[in-house]
Amino acid sequence: MAHSPGGSAWLHPKYARTAIGLVAVGAILTLAWPGTPLGKSVPPAAPTADQQLDPNAATWWQLERLPGIGASLAKAIVAERERRAAQWPGEPPFARPESLLRVPGLGPKKLLPIVSYLRFPIASAPAARGSAPVDTTPPPP
């Protein structure tokens, strides 16, 4: 039995070759697996409409799953949403993708990769501000 300098058994010589082989196979699989630096990765397909998140309603743990968004940034998105909703009730806090740029720590470089994973409300500008659109058509003759 192989002994370490301290006198305790570490690995029997009979199993050493097997252990080294398993470590080598694991390293090869890790390096060649898709999505790893040496493996060929396939970009994920664009999400469908039912898979997209509404940043005005998503929880922080749902937002955390977006590429490049961690727990702290996801919580910052929710905090900004709650702040804006309290300040301007009746209006969606994030009406357009650019409105997420108000979140501290979320700049254009982080926003660009996640835009396809998000959906935003489609509202006309007058309705979003709470006023009715003005009818400018002339009356019939």
N, C-alpha and C. Protein backbone atom coordinates (compact mmCIF):
# COMPACT_ATOMS: atom_id res chain seq x y z
N MET A 1 0.84 -1.17 0.00
CA MET A 1 0.00 0.00 0.00
C MET A 1 0.89 1.23 0.00
N ALA A 2 0.53 2.24 -0.80
CA ALA A 2 1.32 3.47 -0.86
C ALA A 2 1.03 4.30 0.38
N HIS A 3 2.09 4.85 0.92
CA HIS A 3 1.95 5.66 2.13
C HIS A 3 2.46 7.06 1.88
N SER A 4 1.80 7.99 2.50
CA SER A 4 2.28 9.36 2.43
C SER A 4 3.40 9.51 3.44
N PRO A 5 4.18 10.58 3.37
CA PRO A 5 5.28 10.75 4.31
C PRO A 5 4.82 10.71 5.76
N GLY A 6 3.58 11.11 6.03
CA GLY A 6 3.08 11.12 7.40
C GLY A 6 2.68 9.74 7.88
N GLY A 7 2.63 8.74 6.99
CA GLY A 7 2.33 7.39 7.39
C GLY A 7 0.91 6.94 7.11
N SER A 8 0.02 7.80 6.65
CA SER A 8 -1.35 7.37 6.38
C SER A 8 -1.47 6.93 4.91
N ALA A 9 -2.36 5.98 4.66
CA ALA A 9 -2.55 5.47 3.30
C ALA A 9 -3.30 6.51 2.48
N TRP A 10 -2.86 6.70 1.22
CA TRP A 10 -3.54 7.66 0.36
C TRP A 10 -4.25 6.94 -0.78
N LEU A 11 -3.51 6.23 -1.63
CA LEU A 11 -4.11 5.54 -2.76
C LEU A 11 -3.30 4.28 -3.04
N HIS A 12 -3.99 3.18 -3.15
CA HIS A 12 -3.33 1.90 -3.44
C HIS A 12 -2.80 1.95 -4.86
N PRO A 13 -1.58 1.46 -5.10
CA PRO A 13 -0.99 1.50 -6.45
C PRO A 13 -1.87 0.82 -7.50
N LYS A 14 -2.63 -0.16 -7.11
CA LYS A 14 -3.50 -0.88 -8.02
C LYS A 14 -4.56 0.06 -8.63
N TYR A 15 -4.99 1.07 -7.89
CA TYR A 15 -6.04 1.99 -8.33
C TYR A 15 -5.49 3.31 -8.87
N ALA A 16 -4.20 3.53 -8.76
CA ALA A 16 -3.61 4.80 -9.18
C ALA A 16 -3.80 5.04 -10.68
N ARG A 17 -3.55 4.01 -11.50
CA ARG A 17 -3.70 4.18 -12.95
C ARG A 17 -5.15 4.48 -13.33
N THR A 18 -6.09 3.81 -12.68
CA THR A 18 -7.51 4.05 -12.94
C THR A 18 -7.89 5.48 -12.57
N ALA A 19 -7.42 5.93 -11.43
CA ALA A 19 -7.74 7.29 -10.98
C ALA A 19 -7.17 8.33 -11.93
N ILE A 20 -5.94 8.13 -12.37
CA ILE A 20 -5.32 9.07 -13.31
C ILE A 20 -6.08 9.07 -14.63
N GLY A 21 -6.51 7.90 -15.09
CA GLY A 21 -7.28 7.81 -16.33
C GLY A 21 -8.62 8.52 -16.23
N LEU A 22 -9.29 8.37 -15.10
CA LEU A 22 -10.57 9.04 -14.91
C LEU A 22 -10.41 10.56 -14.88
N VAL A 23 -9.37 11.03 -14.24
CA VAL A 23 -9.10 12.47 -14.19
C VAL A 23 -8.82 12.99 -15.60
N ALA A 24 -8.05 12.24 -16.39
CA ALA A 24 -7.73 12.67 -17.75
C ALA A 24 -8.98 12.70 -18.62
N VAL A 25 -9.83 11.68 -18.52
CA VAL A 25 -11.06 11.65 -19.31
C VAL A 25 -11.98 12.82 -18.90
N GLY A 26 -12.07 13.09 -17.61
CA GLY A 26 -12.89 14.21 -17.13
C GLY A 26 -12.38 15.54 -17.66
N ALA A 27 -11.07 15.71 -17.69
CA ALA A 27 -10.50 16.95 -18.20
C ALA A 27 -10.78 17.11 -19.69
N ILE A 28 -10.66 16.04 -20.43
CA ILE A 28 -10.92 16.10 -21.88
C ILE A 28 -12.39 16.43 -22.14
N LEU A 29 -13.30 15.78 -21.43
CA LEU A 29 -14.72 16.06 -21.61
C LEU A 29 -15.05 17.49 -21.23
N THR A 30 -14.45 17.99 -20.17
CA THR A 30 -14.71 19.36 -19.74
C THR A 30 -14.25 20.36 -20.79
N LEU A 31 -13.10 20.14 -21.38
CA LEU A 31 -12.57 21.07 -22.36
C LEU A 31 -13.27 20.98 -23.71
N ALA A 32 -13.79 19.81 -24.05
CA ALA A 32 -14.40 19.64 -25.36
C ALA A 32 -15.93 19.79 -25.33
N TRP A 33 -16.50 19.99 -24.15
CA TRP A 33 -17.95 20.09 -24.03
C TRP A 33 -18.45 21.39 -24.65
N PRO A 34 -19.58 21.37 -25.37
CA PRO A 34 -20.10 22.61 -25.96
C PRO A 34 -20.33 23.68 -24.90
N GLY A 35 -19.96 24.88 -25.25
CA GLY A 35 -20.12 25.99 -24.32
C GLY A 35 -18.86 26.29 -23.53
N THR A 36 -17.85 25.42 -23.62
CA THR A 36 -16.59 25.69 -22.95
C THR A 36 -15.65 26.36 -23.94
N PRO A 37 -14.58 26.99 -23.46
CA PRO A 37 -13.70 27.73 -24.38
C PRO A 37 -13.19 26.92 -25.57
N LEU A 38 -12.86 25.64 -25.38
CA LEU A 38 -12.33 24.86 -26.49
C LEU A 38 -13.41 24.13 -27.26
N GLY A 39 -14.61 24.00 -26.67
CA GLY A 39 -15.70 23.33 -27.36
C GLY A 39 -16.43 24.31 -28.26
N LYS A 40 -17.05 23.77 -29.28
CA LYS A 40 -17.82 24.63 -30.18
C LYS A 40 -19.20 24.82 -29.57
N SER A 41 -19.56 26.06 -29.30
CA SER A 41 -20.86 26.31 -28.71
C SER A 41 -21.81 26.84 -29.77
N VAL A 42 -23.05 26.45 -29.64
CA VAL A 42 -24.09 26.91 -30.54
C VAL A 42 -24.83 28.03 -29.82
N PRO A 43 -24.98 29.19 -30.44
CA PRO A 43 -25.69 30.27 -29.75
C PRO A 43 -27.13 29.87 -29.48
N PRO A 44 -27.68 30.29 -28.33
CA PRO A 44 -29.06 29.91 -28.03
C PRO A 44 -30.02 30.57 -29.00
N ALA A 45 -31.10 29.87 -29.26
CA ALA A 45 -32.13 30.42 -30.16
C ALA A 45 -32.80 31.60 -29.48
N ALA A 46 -33.28 32.54 -30.28
CA ALA A 46 -33.98 33.68 -29.72
C ALA A 46 -35.25 33.18 -29.03
N PRO A 47 -35.56 33.73 -27.86
CA PRO A 47 -36.74 33.25 -27.15
C PRO A 47 -38.03 33.64 -27.88
N THR A 48 -39.03 32.81 -27.72
CA THR A 48 -40.33 33.12 -28.31
C THR A 48 -41.04 34.12 -27.41
N ALA A 49 -42.15 34.68 -27.90
CA ALA A 49 -42.86 35.71 -27.14
C ALA A 49 -43.30 35.22 -25.77
N ASP A 50 -43.70 33.95 -25.68
CA ASP A 50 -44.15 33.44 -24.38
C ASP A 50 -42.98 33.13 -23.44
N GLN A 51 -41.77 33.13 -23.94
CA GLN A 51 -40.59 32.91 -23.11
C GLN A 51 -39.95 34.23 -22.66
N GLN A 52 -40.36 35.33 -23.25
CA GLN A 52 -39.77 36.61 -22.89
C GLN A 52 -40.31 37.09 -21.55
N LEU A 53 -39.46 37.82 -20.84
CA LEU A 53 -39.83 38.37 -19.54
C LEU A 53 -40.27 39.82 -19.68
N ASP A 54 -41.27 40.20 -18.93
CA ASP A 54 -41.67 41.59 -18.84
C ASP A 54 -40.93 42.17 -17.65
N PRO A 55 -40.00 43.10 -17.86
CA PRO A 55 -39.25 43.65 -16.73
C PRO A 55 -40.13 44.43 -15.76
N ASN A 56 -41.35 44.74 -16.15
CA ASN A 56 -42.28 45.43 -15.27
C ASN A 56 -42.99 44.49 -14.31
N ALA A 57 -42.84 43.18 -14.51
CA ALA A 57 -43.53 42.21 -13.67
C ALA A 57 -42.63 41.07 -13.19
N ALA A 58 -41.47 40.89 -13.79
CA ALA A 58 -40.61 39.74 -13.47
C ALA A 58 -40.02 39.87 -12.06
N THR A 59 -39.83 38.74 -11.44
CA THR A 59 -39.17 38.71 -10.13
C THR A 59 -37.67 38.82 -10.31
N TRP A 60 -36.94 39.12 -9.25
CA TRP A 60 -35.50 39.26 -9.40
C TRP A 60 -34.85 37.93 -9.74
N TRP A 61 -35.39 36.83 -9.27
CA TRP A 61 -34.76 35.54 -9.60
C TRP A 61 -35.03 35.14 -11.04
N GLN A 62 -36.11 35.65 -11.64
CA GLN A 62 -36.31 35.43 -13.08
C GLN A 62 -35.33 36.30 -13.88
N LEU A 63 -35.17 37.55 -13.46
CA LEU A 63 -34.24 38.45 -14.15
C LEU A 63 -32.80 37.99 -14.01
N GLU A 64 -32.49 37.35 -12.89
CA GLU A 64 -31.14 36.87 -12.63
C GLU A 64 -30.68 35.84 -13.66
N ARG A 65 -31.61 35.16 -14.28
CA ARG A 65 -31.27 34.12 -15.28
C ARG A 65 -30.87 34.69 -16.62
N LEU A 66 -31.08 35.98 -16.83
CA LEU A 66 -30.70 36.60 -18.10
C LEU A 66 -29.19 36.64 -18.22
N PRO A 67 -28.65 36.54 -19.44
CA PRO A 67 -27.19 36.53 -19.61
C PRO A 67 -26.56 37.82 -19.10
N GLY A 68 -25.58 37.67 -18.24
CA GLY A 68 -24.84 38.82 -17.72
C GLY A 68 -25.51 39.54 -16.56
N ILE A 69 -26.66 39.07 -16.13
CA ILE A 69 -27.39 39.70 -15.03
C ILE A 69 -27.28 38.80 -13.81
N GLY A 70 -26.65 39.28 -12.78
CA GLY A 70 -26.53 38.52 -11.54
C GLY A 70 -27.62 38.92 -10.57
N ALA A 71 -27.52 38.37 -9.36
CA ALA A 71 -28.54 38.64 -8.34
C ALA A 71 -28.59 40.11 -7.96
N SER A 72 -27.44 40.75 -7.79
CA SER A 72 -27.45 42.15 -7.35
C SER A 72 -28.04 43.07 -8.42
N LEU A 73 -27.72 42.83 -9.68
CA LEU A 73 -28.26 43.67 -10.75
C LEU A 73 -29.76 43.40 -10.93
N ALA A 74 -30.17 42.14 -10.80
CA ALA A 74 -31.59 41.81 -10.89
C ALA A 74 -32.37 42.50 -9.77
N LYS A 75 -31.81 42.54 -8.57
CA LYS A 75 -32.47 43.22 -7.45
C LYS A 75 -32.50 44.72 -7.68
N ALA A 76 -31.47 45.27 -8.33
CA ALA A 76 -31.45 46.70 -8.65
C ALA A 76 -32.54 47.04 -9.67
N ILE A 77 -32.78 46.13 -10.63
CA ILE A 77 -33.85 46.35 -11.61
C ILE A 77 -35.20 46.40 -10.91
N VAL A 78 -35.43 45.47 -9.99
CA VAL A 78 -36.70 45.43 -9.26
C VAL A 78 -36.84 46.68 -8.38
N ALA A 79 -35.76 47.10 -7.74
CA ALA A 79 -35.81 48.30 -6.89
C ALA A 79 -36.13 49.55 -7.71
N GLU A 80 -35.51 49.69 -8.88
CA GLU A 80 -35.80 50.83 -9.75
C GLU A 80 -37.23 50.78 -10.24
N ARG A 81 -37.71 49.59 -10.56
CA ARG A 81 -39.10 49.43 -11.00
C ARG A 81 -40.07 49.87 -9.91
N GLU A 82 -39.82 49.44 -8.67
CA GLU A 82 -40.71 49.81 -7.56
C GLU A 82 -40.64 51.31 -7.28
N ARG A 83 -39.46 51.90 -7.39
CA ARG A 83 -39.30 53.34 -7.17
C ARG A 83 -40.07 54.13 -8.22
N ARG A 84 -39.93 53.74 -9.49
CA ARG A 84 -40.62 54.45 -10.59
C ARG A 84 -42.13 54.25 -10.51
N ALA A 85 -42.57 53.05 -10.14
CA ALA A 85 -44.01 52.78 -10.03
C ALA A 85 -44.63 53.62 -8.94
N ALA A 86 -43.92 53.84 -7.84
CA ALA A 86 -44.44 54.67 -6.75
C ALA A 86 -44.44 56.14 -7.15
N GLN A 87 -43.44 56.54 -7.91
CA GLN A 87 -43.31 57.93 -8.32
C GLN A 87 -44.31 58.31 -9.41
N TRP A 88 -44.56 57.41 -10.37
CA TRP A 88 -45.47 57.65 -11.48
C TRP A 88 -46.46 56.50 -11.59
N PRO A 89 -47.46 56.45 -10.72
CA PRO A 89 -48.43 55.34 -10.79
C PRO A 89 -49.22 55.38 -12.10
N GLY A 90 -49.54 54.21 -12.60
CA GLY A 90 -50.30 54.11 -13.83
C GLY A 90 -49.44 54.02 -15.08
N GLU A 91 -48.17 54.32 -14.97
CA GLU A 91 -47.26 54.22 -16.11
C GLU A 91 -46.33 53.04 -15.90
N PRO A 92 -46.01 52.31 -16.95
CA PRO A 92 -45.05 51.21 -16.78
C PRO A 92 -43.66 51.80 -16.49
N PRO A 93 -42.98 51.30 -15.48
CA PRO A 93 -41.64 51.82 -15.17
C PRO A 93 -40.66 51.64 -16.33
N PHE A 94 -40.78 50.53 -17.03
CA PHE A 94 -39.89 50.25 -18.16
C PHE A 94 -40.75 50.09 -19.41
N ALA A 95 -40.99 51.18 -20.11
CA ALA A 95 -41.84 51.15 -21.30
C ALA A 95 -41.07 50.73 -22.54
N ARG A 96 -39.78 51.02 -22.57
CA ARG A 96 -38.91 50.71 -23.71
C ARG A 96 -37.60 50.13 -23.18
N PRO A 97 -36.86 49.43 -24.01
CA PRO A 97 -35.58 48.88 -23.55
C PRO A 97 -34.64 49.94 -22.97
N GLU A 98 -34.63 51.14 -23.58
CA GLU A 98 -33.72 52.19 -23.10
C GLU A 98 -34.04 52.62 -21.68
N SER A 99 -35.28 52.43 -21.24
CA SER A 99 -35.64 52.85 -19.89
C SER A 99 -34.93 52.02 -18.83
N LEU A 100 -34.42 50.85 -19.19
CA LEU A 100 -33.64 50.06 -18.24
C LEU A 100 -32.28 50.67 -17.96
N LEU A 101 -31.85 51.59 -18.79
CA LEU A 101 -30.55 52.24 -18.58
C LEU A 101 -30.55 53.11 -17.33
N ARG A 102 -31.73 53.38 -16.76
CA ARG A 102 -31.80 54.14 -15.50
C ARG A 102 -31.35 53.30 -14.31
N VAL A 103 -31.29 52.00 -14.48
CA VAL A 103 -30.88 51.11 -13.39
C VAL A 103 -29.37 51.25 -13.17
N PRO A 104 -28.95 51.58 -11.95
CA PRO A 104 -27.51 51.69 -11.69
C PRO A 104 -26.80 50.37 -11.96
N GLY A 105 -25.73 50.42 -12.74
CA GLY A 105 -24.96 49.23 -13.07
C GLY A 105 -25.38 48.55 -14.36
N LEU A 106 -26.45 49.01 -14.98
CA LEU A 106 -26.92 48.42 -16.23
C LEU A 106 -26.71 49.41 -17.36
N GLY A 107 -25.63 49.21 -18.09
CA GLY A 107 -25.30 50.10 -19.20
C GLY A 107 -25.62 49.45 -20.53
N PRO A 108 -25.30 50.13 -21.62
CA PRO A 108 -25.59 49.60 -22.95
C PRO A 108 -24.96 48.24 -23.23
N LYS A 109 -23.76 48.00 -22.71
CA LYS A 109 -23.09 46.71 -22.98
C LYS A 109 -23.82 45.55 -22.32
N LYS A 110 -24.43 45.77 -21.18
CA LYS A 110 -25.19 44.69 -20.52
C LYS A 110 -26.61 44.62 -21.05
N LEU A 111 -27.13 45.75 -21.52
CA LEU A 111 -28.51 45.77 -22.00
C LEU A 111 -28.65 45.07 -23.35
N LEU A 112 -27.72 45.30 -24.25
CA LEU A 112 -27.82 44.77 -25.61
C LEU A 112 -28.04 43.25 -25.66
N PRO A 113 -27.29 42.43 -24.90
CA PRO A 113 -27.50 40.98 -24.99
C PRO A 113 -28.83 40.50 -24.41
N ILE A 114 -29.47 41.28 -23.55
CA ILE A 114 -30.70 40.79 -22.91
C ILE A 114 -31.98 41.31 -23.55
N VAL A 115 -31.88 42.26 -24.47
CA VAL A 115 -33.08 42.87 -25.06
C VAL A 115 -33.98 41.83 -25.71
N SER A 116 -33.42 40.85 -26.38
CA SER A 116 -34.25 39.84 -27.05
C SER A 116 -34.97 38.93 -26.05
N TYR A 117 -34.56 38.94 -24.79
CA TYR A 117 -35.20 38.12 -23.77
C TYR A 117 -36.31 38.88 -23.04
N LEU A 118 -36.50 40.15 -23.39
CA LEU A 118 -37.47 40.99 -22.68
C LEU A 118 -38.59 41.43 -23.60
N ARG A 119 -39.75 41.69 -23.03
CA ARG A 119 -40.85 42.28 -23.78
C ARG A 119 -41.31 43.52 -23.02
N PHE A 120 -41.71 44.50 -23.78
CA PHE A 120 -42.10 45.78 -23.21
C PHE A 120 -43.51 46.12 -23.63
N PRO A 121 -44.24 46.88 -22.80
CA PRO A 121 -45.60 47.23 -23.17
C PRO A 121 -45.62 48.13 -24.40
N ILE A 122 -46.62 47.93 -25.22
CA ILE A 122 -46.78 48.77 -26.41
C ILE A 122 -47.95 49.70 -26.10
N ALA A 123 -47.62 50.96 -25.91
CA ALA A 123 -48.65 51.96 -25.60
C ALA A 123 -48.33 53.23 -26.35
N SER A 124 -49.35 53.91 -26.76
CA SER A 124 -49.13 55.18 -27.44
C SER A 124 -48.69 56.21 -26.41
N ALA A 125 -47.98 57.20 -26.85
CA ALA A 125 -47.45 58.21 -25.94
C ALA A 125 -48.54 58.93 -25.17
N PRO A 126 -49.68 59.38 -25.77
CA PRO A 126 -50.70 60.06 -24.98
C PRO A 126 -51.32 59.16 -23.93
N ALA A 127 -51.58 57.89 -24.27
CA ALA A 127 -52.19 56.98 -23.30
C ALA A 127 -51.24 56.71 -22.16
N ALA A 128 -49.95 56.65 -22.44
CA ALA A 128 -48.97 56.38 -21.39
C ALA A 128 -48.90 57.54 -20.40
N ARG A 129 -49.23 58.75 -20.84
CA ARG A 129 -49.18 59.90 -19.95
C ARG A 129 -50.53 60.18 -19.30
N GLY A 130 -51.55 59.40 -19.63
CA GLY A 130 -52.83 59.55 -18.98
C GLY A 130 -53.79 60.51 -19.67
N SER A 131 -53.45 61.02 -20.83
CA SER A 131 -54.35 61.93 -21.53
C SER A 131 -54.94 61.23 -22.74
N ALA A 132 -56.13 61.62 -23.12
CA ALA A 132 -56.79 61.02 -24.27
C ALA A 132 -56.26 61.65 -25.55
N PRO A 133 -56.15 60.86 -26.63
CA PRO A 133 -55.71 61.44 -27.90
C PRO A 133 -56.75 62.41 -28.44
N VAL A 134 -56.28 63.42 -29.12
CA VAL A 134 -57.17 64.44 -29.68
C VAL A 134 -57.55 64.05 -31.09
N ASP A 135 -58.86 64.10 -31.40
CA ASP A 135 -59.35 63.79 -32.74
C ASP A 135 -59.26 65.05 -33.59
N THR A 136 -58.45 65.00 -34.62
CA THR A 136 -58.25 66.17 -35.47
C THR A 136 -58.94 66.04 -36.82
N THR A 137 -59.76 65.03 -37.02
CA THR A 137 -60.46 64.88 -38.30
C THR A 137 -61.60 65.89 -38.38
N PRO A 138 -61.84 66.50 -39.54
CA PRO A 138 -62.92 67.48 -39.66
C PRO A 138 -64.28 66.79 -39.64
N PRO A 139 -65.30 67.49 -39.22
CA PRO A 139 -66.65 66.88 -39.18
C PRO A 139 -67.15 66.63 -40.59
N PRO A 140 -68.05 65.68 -40.78
CA PRO A 140 -68.56 65.39 -42.14
C PRO A 140 -69.41 66.58 -42.65
N PRO A 141 -69.45 66.79 -43.97
CA PRO A 141 -70.20 67.93 -44.54
C PRO A 141 -71.68 67.78 -44.42
